[in-house]
Amino acid sequence: LEAVWDFAYDRIGYLGTNAPIDHCYECGFEGDFTATERGFKCPQCGNTNPQTCDVVKRTCGYLGNPQARPMVHGRHKEISSRVKHMNGSVGVLRDGESIDSEEVDHVKSKFVK
């Protein structure tokens, strides 16, 4: 992810990346919670209690916790269909192929003059 930001820094005016940072304090899960009709739940234990989980989603450009302050119904589907730009140290390309940060640096070096 850092390589993406480094590459974009001098080349574009705005860049936003999405990374799964939700956390369940009941089972210890860290990642991306599952969107449901009523909000978000831990995919590991099903926790939906805003007192024992942190859910952070970008809504209209702002980061917020929809467990503590629910959003309109249609946003859940839109959020669940978003692309996660990086998942740990390995990214996934559109064709499903994995790419690690060293490969990103190699590709980036071809375009940086």
C-alpha atoms as a PDB file:
ATOM      1  CA  LEU A   1       0.000   0.000   0.000  1.00  0.00           C
ATOM      2  CA  GLU A   2       2.877   2.338   0.758  1.00  0.00           C
ATOM      3  CA  ALA A   3       4.195   1.851  -2.791  1.00  0.00           C
ATOM      4  CA  VAL A   4       0.815   2.924  -4.194  1.00  0.00           C
ATOM      5  CA  TRP A   5       0.853   6.101  -2.101  1.00  0.00           C
ATOM      6  CA  ASP A   6       4.485   6.832  -3.023  1.00  0.00           C
ATOM      7  CA  PHE A   7       3.693   6.421  -6.719  1.00  0.00           C
ATOM      8  CA  ALA A   8       0.577   8.631  -6.532  1.00  0.00           C
ATOM      9  CA  TYR A   9       2.079  11.371  -4.355  1.00  0.00           C
ATOM     10  CA  ASP A  10       3.470  13.490  -7.208  1.00  0.00           C
ATOM     11  CA  ARG A  11       1.093  12.324  -9.915  1.00  0.00           C
ATOM     12  CA  ILE A  12      -2.499  12.854  -8.804  1.00  0.00           C
ATOM     13  CA  GLY A  13      -4.429  15.389  -6.747  1.00  0.00           C
ATOM     14  CA  TYR A  14      -6.428  12.988  -4.573  1.00  0.00           C
ATOM     15  CA  LEU A  15      -6.228   9.308  -3.707  1.00  0.00           C
ATOM     16  CA  GLY A  16      -8.308   7.236  -1.325  1.00  0.00           C
ATOM     17  CA  THR A  17      -7.573   3.619  -0.452  1.00  0.00           C
ATOM     18  CA  ASN A  18      -9.754   1.165   1.418  1.00  0.00           C
ATOM     19  CA  ALA A  19      -8.246  -1.261   3.902  1.00  0.00           C
ATOM     20  CA  PRO A  20     -10.138  -3.654   6.212  1.00  0.00           C
ATOM     21  CA  ILE A  21      -9.602  -2.377   9.790  1.00  0.00           C
ATOM     22  CA  ASP A  22     -12.680  -3.614  11.691  1.00  0.00           C
ATOM     23  CA  HIS A  23     -12.025  -5.259  15.078  1.00  0.00           C
ATOM     24  CA  CYS A  24     -14.062  -7.612  17.286  1.00  0.00           C
ATOM     25  CA  TYR A  25     -13.182  -7.483  20.982  1.00  0.00           C
ATOM     26  CA  GLU A  26     -15.173 -10.661  21.726  1.00  0.00           C
ATOM     27  CA  CYS A  27     -13.211 -13.086  19.511  1.00  0.00           C
ATOM     28  CA  GLY A  28     -10.211 -10.993  18.415  1.00  0.00           C
ATOM     29  CA  PHE A  29     -11.079 -10.917  14.693  1.00  0.00           C
ATOM     30  CA  GLU A  30      -9.403  -8.143  12.689  1.00  0.00           C
ATOM     31  CA  GLY A  31     -10.385  -7.496   9.090  1.00  0.00           C
ATOM     32  CA  ASP A  32     -13.595  -6.686   7.240  1.00  0.00           C
ATOM     33  CA  PHE A  33     -16.954  -7.156   8.983  1.00  0.00           C
ATOM     34  CA  THR A  34     -19.862  -8.548   6.943  1.00  0.00           C
ATOM     35  CA  ALA A  35     -22.597  -6.126   5.818  1.00  0.00           C
ATOM     36  CA  THR A  36     -26.117  -7.236   6.845  1.00  0.00           C
ATOM     37  CA  GLU A  37     -29.621  -5.768   6.593  1.00  0.00           C
ATOM     38  CA  ARG A  38     -29.231  -4.331  10.115  1.00  0.00           C
ATOM     39  CA  GLY A  39     -25.604  -3.183  10.036  1.00  0.00           C
ATOM     40  CA  PHE A  40     -22.337  -5.088  10.220  1.00  0.00           C
ATOM     41  CA  LYS A  41     -21.354  -8.304  12.001  1.00  0.00           C
ATOM     42  CA  CYS A  42     -18.138 -10.098  12.824  1.00  0.00           C
ATOM     43  CA  PRO A  43     -17.711 -12.874  10.233  1.00  0.00           C
ATOM     44  CA  GLN A  44     -16.003 -15.075  12.827  1.00  0.00           C
ATOM     45  CA  CYS A  45     -18.401 -14.960  15.826  1.00  0.00           C
ATOM     46  CA  GLY A  46     -21.400 -12.917  14.593  1.00  0.00           C
ATOM     47  CA  ASN A  47     -20.879 -10.068  17.103  1.00  0.00           C
ATOM     48  CA  THR A  48     -22.919  -6.921  16.341  1.00  0.00           C
ATOM     49  CA  ASN A  49     -22.631  -5.201  19.730  1.00  0.00           C
ATOM     50  CA  PRO A  50     -21.209  -1.674  19.259  1.00  0.00           C
ATOM     51  CA  GLN A  51     -19.787  -1.877  22.804  1.00  0.00           C
ATOM     52  CA  THR A  52     -17.536  -4.814  21.883  1.00  0.00           C
ATOM     53  CA  CYS A  53     -16.547  -4.102  18.276  1.00  0.00           C
ATOM     54  CA  ASP A  54     -15.111  -1.318  16.147  1.00  0.00           C
ATOM     55  CA  VAL A  55     -16.396  -1.023  12.604  1.00  0.00           C
ATOM     56  CA  VAL A  56     -14.869   1.720  10.468  1.00  0.00           C
ATOM     57  CA  LYS A  57     -16.282   2.414   7.002  1.00  0.00           C
ATOM     58  CA  ARG A  58     -15.895   5.311   4.584  1.00  0.00           C
ATOM     59  CA  THR A  59     -19.274   6.973   3.984  1.00  0.00           C
ATOM     60  CA  CYS A  60     -19.388   9.856   1.506  1.00  0.00           C
ATOM     61  CA  GLY A  61     -15.672  10.424   2.053  1.00  0.00           C
ATOM     62  CA  TYR A  62     -15.804  10.364   5.864  1.00  0.00           C
ATOM     63  CA  LEU A  63     -14.681   7.544   8.144  1.00  0.00           C
ATOM     64  CA  GLY A  64     -17.246   6.528  10.739  1.00  0.00           C
ATOM     65  CA  ASN A  65     -18.538   3.698  12.925  1.00  0.00           C
ATOM     66  CA  PRO A  66     -21.893   2.508  11.531  1.00  0.00           C
ATOM     67  CA  GLN A  67     -22.417   0.240  14.556  1.00  0.00           C
ATOM     68  CA  ALA A  68     -22.592   3.285  16.839  1.00  0.00           C
ATOM     69  CA  ARG A  69     -24.274   5.630  14.339  1.00  0.00           C
ATOM     70  CA  PRO A  70     -26.185   3.628  11.692  1.00  0.00           C
ATOM     71  CA  MET A  71     -26.238   4.715   8.064  1.00  0.00           C
ATOM     72  CA  VAL A  72     -29.035   4.573   5.510  1.00  0.00           C
ATOM     73  CA  HIS A  73     -29.956   1.084   4.292  1.00  0.00           C
ATOM     74  CA  GLY A  74     -28.560   1.362   0.741  1.00  0.00           C
ATOM     75  CA  ARG A  75     -25.044   2.154   1.940  1.00  0.00           C
ATOM     76  CA  HIS A  76     -24.469  -1.381   3.292  1.00  0.00           C
ATOM     77  CA  LYS A  77     -24.616  -2.960  -0.170  1.00  0.00           C
ATOM     78  CA  GLU A  78     -22.453  -0.225  -1.681  1.00  0.00           C
ATOM     79  CA  ILE A  79     -19.824  -0.594   1.059  1.00  0.00           C
ATOM     80  CA  SER A  80     -19.725  -4.394   0.789  1.00  0.00           C
ATOM     81  CA  SER A  81     -19.053  -4.177  -2.973  1.00  0.00           C
ATOM     82  CA  ARG A  82     -16.040  -1.865  -2.631  1.00  0.00           C
ATOM     83  CA  VAL A  83     -12.597  -3.027  -3.666  1.00  0.00           C
ATOM     84  CA  LYS A  84     -10.055  -3.439  -0.874  1.00  0.00           C
ATOM     85  CA  HIS A  85      -6.826  -2.109  -2.305  1.00  0.00           C
ATOM     86  CA  MET A  86      -4.502  -4.134  -0.095  1.00  0.00           C
ATOM     87  CA  ASN A  87      -5.056  -7.026   2.277  1.00  0.00           C
ATOM     88  CA  GLY A  88      -1.979  -7.283   4.462  1.00  0.00           C
ATOM     89  CA  SER A  89       1.312  -7.309   2.561  1.00  0.00           C
ATOM     90  CA  VAL A  90      -0.228  -8.944  -0.512  1.00  0.00           C
ATOM     91  CA  GLY A  91      -2.555  -7.264  -2.988  1.00  0.00           C
ATOM     92  CA  VAL A  92      -5.015  -8.942  -5.331  1.00  0.00           C
ATOM     93  CA  LEU A  93      -5.200  -7.830  -8.950  1.00  0.00           C
ATOM     94  CA  ARG A  94      -8.450  -7.640 -10.922  1.00  0.00           C
ATOM     95  CA  ASP A  95      -7.857 -11.053 -12.474  1.00  0.00           C
ATOM     96  CA  GLY A  96      -7.487 -12.590  -8.999  1.00  0.00           C
ATOM     97  CA  GLU A  97      -3.698 -12.933  -9.184  1.00  0.00           C
ATOM     98  CA  SER A  98      -1.777 -11.987  -6.024  1.00  0.00           C
ATOM     99  CA  ILE A  99       0.995  -9.387  -5.989  1.00  0.00           C
ATOM    100  CA  ASP A 100       3.356  -8.610  -3.106  1.00  0.00           C
ATOM    101  CA  SER A 101       4.937  -5.266  -2.222  1.00  0.00           C
ATOM    102  CA  GLU A 102       8.258  -6.138  -3.934  1.00  0.00           C
ATOM    103  CA  GLU A 103       6.421  -6.737  -7.212  1.00  0.00           C
ATOM    104  CA  VAL A 104       4.607  -3.403  -6.803  1.00  0.00           C
ATOM    105  CA  ASP A 105       7.976  -1.668  -6.365  1.00  0.00           C
ATOM    106  CA  HIS A 106       9.307  -3.405  -9.494  1.00  0.00           C
ATOM    107  CA  VAL A 107       6.282  -2.380 -11.604  1.00  0.00           C
ATOM    108  CA  LYS A 108       6.376   1.140 -10.174  1.00  0.00           C
ATOM    109  CA  SER A 109      10.045   1.525 -11.154  1.00  0.00           C
ATOM    110  CA  LYS A 110       9.127   0.974 -14.823  1.00  0.00           C
ATOM    111  CA  PHE A 111       6.875   4.048 -14.813  1.00  0.00           C
ATOM    112  CA  VAL A 112       8.831   6.428 -12.597  1.00  0.00           C
ATOM    113  CA  LYS A 113      11.172   8.639 -14.611  1.00  0.00           C
END
